[in-house]
């Protein structure tokens, strides 16, 4: 195995910390696409510095339509996401076959149990001007993110276990406004 040299003047790194190289994180733009009848997730994005998903349609995803995650624990393959914009999309009949509300139609998380108690690592996630129709479970579920804006979304016939349309856990600087149930 090769050696890794870490050079940093302002960060203390200790045993058990996860280190990632964000030099090669891609910028992602997904526009005017249709995703239909996916057995798993329609989109799974990890470790990116800029993500834009807009004007897309998501039909009949059996799990998450959009899954944003850092795979720290098992796969050790990706770091955090930042500057994510999900806007002007239609989510229809997603999670129809899922019985357990383990993930949202849009789900932002850190993958791995031992990291569920850490401070937020994702940054600046905006979910705005989307329409959710006939969703089984949580339409929006965001975890461990600093800077969350969920605004101007419409929810039509969405059924979650707790009745909430937006679930926010262990996040900082959260703004939810003008989200309506039709």
Protein backbone atom coordinates (compact mmCIF):
# COMPACT_ATOMS: atom_id res chain seq x y z
CA UNK A 1 0.00 0.00 0.00
CA UNK A 2 1.13 3.52 -0.67
CA UNK A 3 1.84 6.24 1.83
CA UNK A 4 -0.19 9.41 2.18
CA UNK A 5 1.31 12.63 3.39
CA UNK A 6 -1.11 15.13 4.88
CA UNK A 7 -0.01 18.73 4.98
CA UNK A 8 -2.19 21.12 6.92
CA UNK A 9 -1.49 24.07 9.17
CA UNK A 10 -5.00 24.61 10.45
CA UNK A 11 -6.60 21.17 10.92
CA UNK A 12 -5.77 18.57 13.51
CA UNK A 13 -6.18 15.06 12.13
CA UNK A 14 -6.46 12.15 14.52
CA UNK A 15 -7.02 8.40 14.37
CA UNK A 16 -10.57 7.66 13.20
CA UNK A 17 -10.96 10.83 11.12
CA UNK A 18 -12.01 10.48 7.49
CA UNK A 19 -9.79 12.27 4.97
CA UNK A 20 -10.87 12.90 1.40
CA UNK A 21 -9.27 14.60 -1.59
CA UNK A 22 -11.70 17.21 -2.84
CA UNK A 23 -9.34 18.35 -5.61
CA UNK A 24 -11.09 16.05 -8.07
CA UNK A 25 -14.71 16.59 -7.01
CA UNK A 26 -16.81 17.16 -10.12
CA UNK A 27 -19.32 19.91 -10.72
CA UNK A 28 -22.61 18.29 -11.76
CA UNK A 29 -25.38 19.79 -13.90
CA UNK A 30 -28.46 17.71 -14.69
CA UNK A 31 -31.16 19.54 -16.67
CA UNK A 32 -34.36 18.60 -18.47
CA UNK A 33 -34.04 14.85 -17.94
CA UNK A 34 -36.68 12.23 -17.23
CA UNK A 35 -36.04 9.34 -14.85
CA UNK A 36 -38.67 6.58 -14.86
CA UNK A 37 -39.29 3.20 -13.24
CA UNK A 38 -35.98 2.88 -11.41
CA UNK A 39 -35.77 -0.11 -9.09
CA UNK A 40 -33.42 1.74 -6.76
CA UNK A 41 -32.40 5.38 -6.73
CA UNK A 42 -32.85 7.51 -9.82
CA UNK A 43 -29.79 9.63 -8.96
CA UNK A 44 -27.06 8.88 -6.43
CA UNK A 45 -24.54 11.69 -6.08
CA UNK A 46 -21.56 11.77 -3.74
CA UNK A 47 -18.60 14.03 -3.07
CA UNK A 48 -19.23 17.06 -5.24
CA UNK A 49 -18.57 20.76 -4.89
CA UNK A 50 -21.42 22.05 -7.04
CA UNK A 51 -24.63 20.23 -8.02
CA UNK A 52 -27.55 21.58 -10.03
CA UNK A 53 -30.59 19.40 -10.74
CA UNK A 54 -33.36 21.34 -12.46
CA UNK A 55 -36.36 20.98 -14.74
CA UNK A 56 -36.34 17.17 -14.44
CA UNK A 57 -39.13 14.65 -14.00
CA UNK A 58 -38.84 11.66 -11.66
CA UNK A 59 -41.50 8.97 -12.16
CA UNK A 60 -41.96 5.74 -10.20
CA UNK A 61 -38.62 5.49 -8.41
CA UNK A 62 -38.96 2.60 -6.00
CA UNK A 63 -36.56 4.23 -3.54
CA UNK A 64 -35.09 7.74 -3.43
CA UNK A 65 -35.44 9.81 -6.56
CA UNK A 66 -32.40 11.86 -5.52
CA UNK A 67 -29.95 10.41 -3.01
CA UNK A 68 -27.07 12.64 -1.87
CA UNK A 69 -24.65 10.92 0.47
CA UNK A 70 -21.13 10.59 1.75
CA UNK A 71 -20.07 6.96 1.93
CA UNK A 72 -17.66 7.22 4.86
CA UNK A 73 -18.05 3.99 6.73
CA UNK A 74 -18.31 0.94 4.50
CA UNK A 75 -17.23 1.94 1.00
CA UNK A 76 -14.93 4.84 1.95
CA UNK A 77 -15.55 6.29 -1.47
CA UNK A 78 -16.84 9.82 -1.19
CA UNK A 79 -16.76 12.94 0.90
CA UNK A 80 -19.33 15.66 1.57
CA UNK A 81 -21.41 17.62 -0.89
CA UNK A 82 -21.72 21.39 -1.06
CA UNK A 83 -23.61 23.98 -3.08
CA UNK A 84 -26.49 21.72 -4.13
CA UNK A 85 -29.53 23.19 -5.90
CA UNK A 86 -32.57 21.02 -6.63
CA UNK A 87 -35.22 23.17 -8.31
CA UNK A 88 -38.18 23.16 -10.66
CA UNK A 89 -38.50 19.37 -10.73
CA UNK A 90 -41.53 17.07 -10.68
CA UNK A 91 -41.51 13.99 -8.44
CA UNK A 92 -44.42 11.65 -9.19
CA UNK A 93 -45.37 8.26 -7.68
CA UNK A 94 -42.00 7.79 -6.02
CA UNK A 95 -41.36 5.24 -3.26
CA UNK A 96 -44.62 3.49 -4.13
CA UNK A 97 -43.34 0.03 -3.14
CA UNK A 98 -41.45 1.04 -0.01
CA UNK A 99 -43.05 0.04 3.28
CA UNK A 100 -40.45 1.44 5.70
CA UNK A 101 -39.83 5.17 5.74
CA UNK A 102 -36.06 4.85 5.78
CA UNK A 103 -35.32 7.50 3.18
CA UNK A 104 -36.95 10.47 1.55
CA UNK A 105 -37.77 11.04 -2.11
CA UNK A 106 -34.97 13.61 -1.88
CA UNK A 107 -32.60 12.30 0.78
CA UNK A 108 -29.39 13.96 1.99
CA UNK A 109 -27.37 11.97 4.51
CA UNK A 110 -24.02 10.66 5.70
CA UNK A 111 -23.81 6.92 5.11
CA UNK A 112 -22.64 4.97 8.15
CA UNK A 113 -23.91 4.54 11.67
CA UNK A 114 -20.84 5.84 13.52
CA UNK A 115 -21.09 9.19 11.75
CA UNK A 116 -24.69 9.87 12.72
CA UNK A 117 -23.55 11.80 15.81
CA UNK A 118 -21.10 14.13 14.09
CA UNK A 119 -21.64 17.78 13.28
CA UNK A 120 -23.08 18.69 9.86
CA UNK A 121 -20.67 18.01 7.01
CA UNK A 122 -22.71 18.79 3.88
CA UNK A 123 -23.05 22.49 3.07
CA UNK A 124 -25.59 24.69 1.32
CA UNK A 125 -28.43 22.52 0.03
CA UNK A 126 -31.38 24.31 -1.61
CA UNK A 127 -34.57 22.45 -2.49
CA UNK A 128 -36.97 24.88 -4.12
CA UNK A 129 -39.90 25.21 -6.52
CA UNK A 130 -40.43 21.46 -6.84
CA UNK A 131 -43.70 19.54 -7.02
CA UNK A 132 -44.21 16.22 -5.22
CA UNK A 133 -47.21 14.09 -6.25
CA UNK A 134 -48.37 10.77 -4.77
CA UNK A 135 -45.29 10.20 -2.63
CA UNK A 136 -45.23 7.24 -0.22
CA UNK A 137 -43.04 8.39 2.68
CA UNK A 138 -41.09 11.55 3.38
CA UNK A 139 -40.81 13.78 0.30
CA UNK A 140 -37.78 15.67 1.70
CA UNK A 141 -35.36 14.33 4.31
CA UNK A 142 -32.12 16.21 5.03
CA UNK A 143 -29.51 15.19 7.60
CA UNK A 144 -26.14 16.56 8.76
CA UNK A 145 -26.14 19.67 6.57
CA UNK A 146 -25.11 23.24 7.37
CA UNK A 147 -27.18 25.65 5.30
CA UNK A 148 -30.51 24.11 4.26
CA UNK A 149 -33.19 26.02 2.37
CA UNK A 150 -36.46 24.24 1.54
CA UNK A 151 -38.87 26.70 0.00
CA UNK A 152 -41.72 27.14 -2.46
CA UNK A 153 -42.38 23.41 -2.89
CA UNK A 154 -45.81 21.87 -3.51
CA UNK A 155 -46.97 18.59 -1.97
CA UNK A 156 -49.95 16.73 -3.48
CA UNK A 157 -51.18 13.49 -1.90
CA UNK A 158 -47.94 12.77 -0.03
CA UNK A 159 -48.20 10.21 2.79
CA UNK A 160 -45.47 9.94 5.41
CA UNK A 161 -45.66 7.97 8.65
CA UNK A 162 -45.45 11.10 10.80
CA UNK A 163 -47.54 13.30 8.50
CA UNK A 164 -44.63 15.70 7.91
CA UNK A 165 -43.52 16.52 4.38
CA UNK A 166 -40.08 17.83 5.32
CA UNK A 167 -37.79 16.09 7.80
CA UNK A 168 -34.64 17.88 8.99
CA UNK A 169 -32.21 16.13 11.36
CA UNK A 170 -28.96 17.39 12.91
CA UNK A 171 -28.69 20.37 10.57
CA UNK A 172 -27.70 23.99 11.14
CA UNK A 173 -28.90 27.22 9.53
CA UNK A 174 -32.19 25.82 8.23
CA UNK A 175 -34.80 27.87 6.38
CA UNK A 176 -38.17 26.36 5.43
CA UNK A 177 -40.75 28.69 3.94
CA UNK A 178 -43.70 28.82 1.56
CA UNK A 179 -44.01 25.04 1.21
CA UNK A 180 -47.65 24.15 0.61
CA UNK A 181 -49.80 21.07 0.72
CA UNK A 182 -52.36 21.10 -2.07
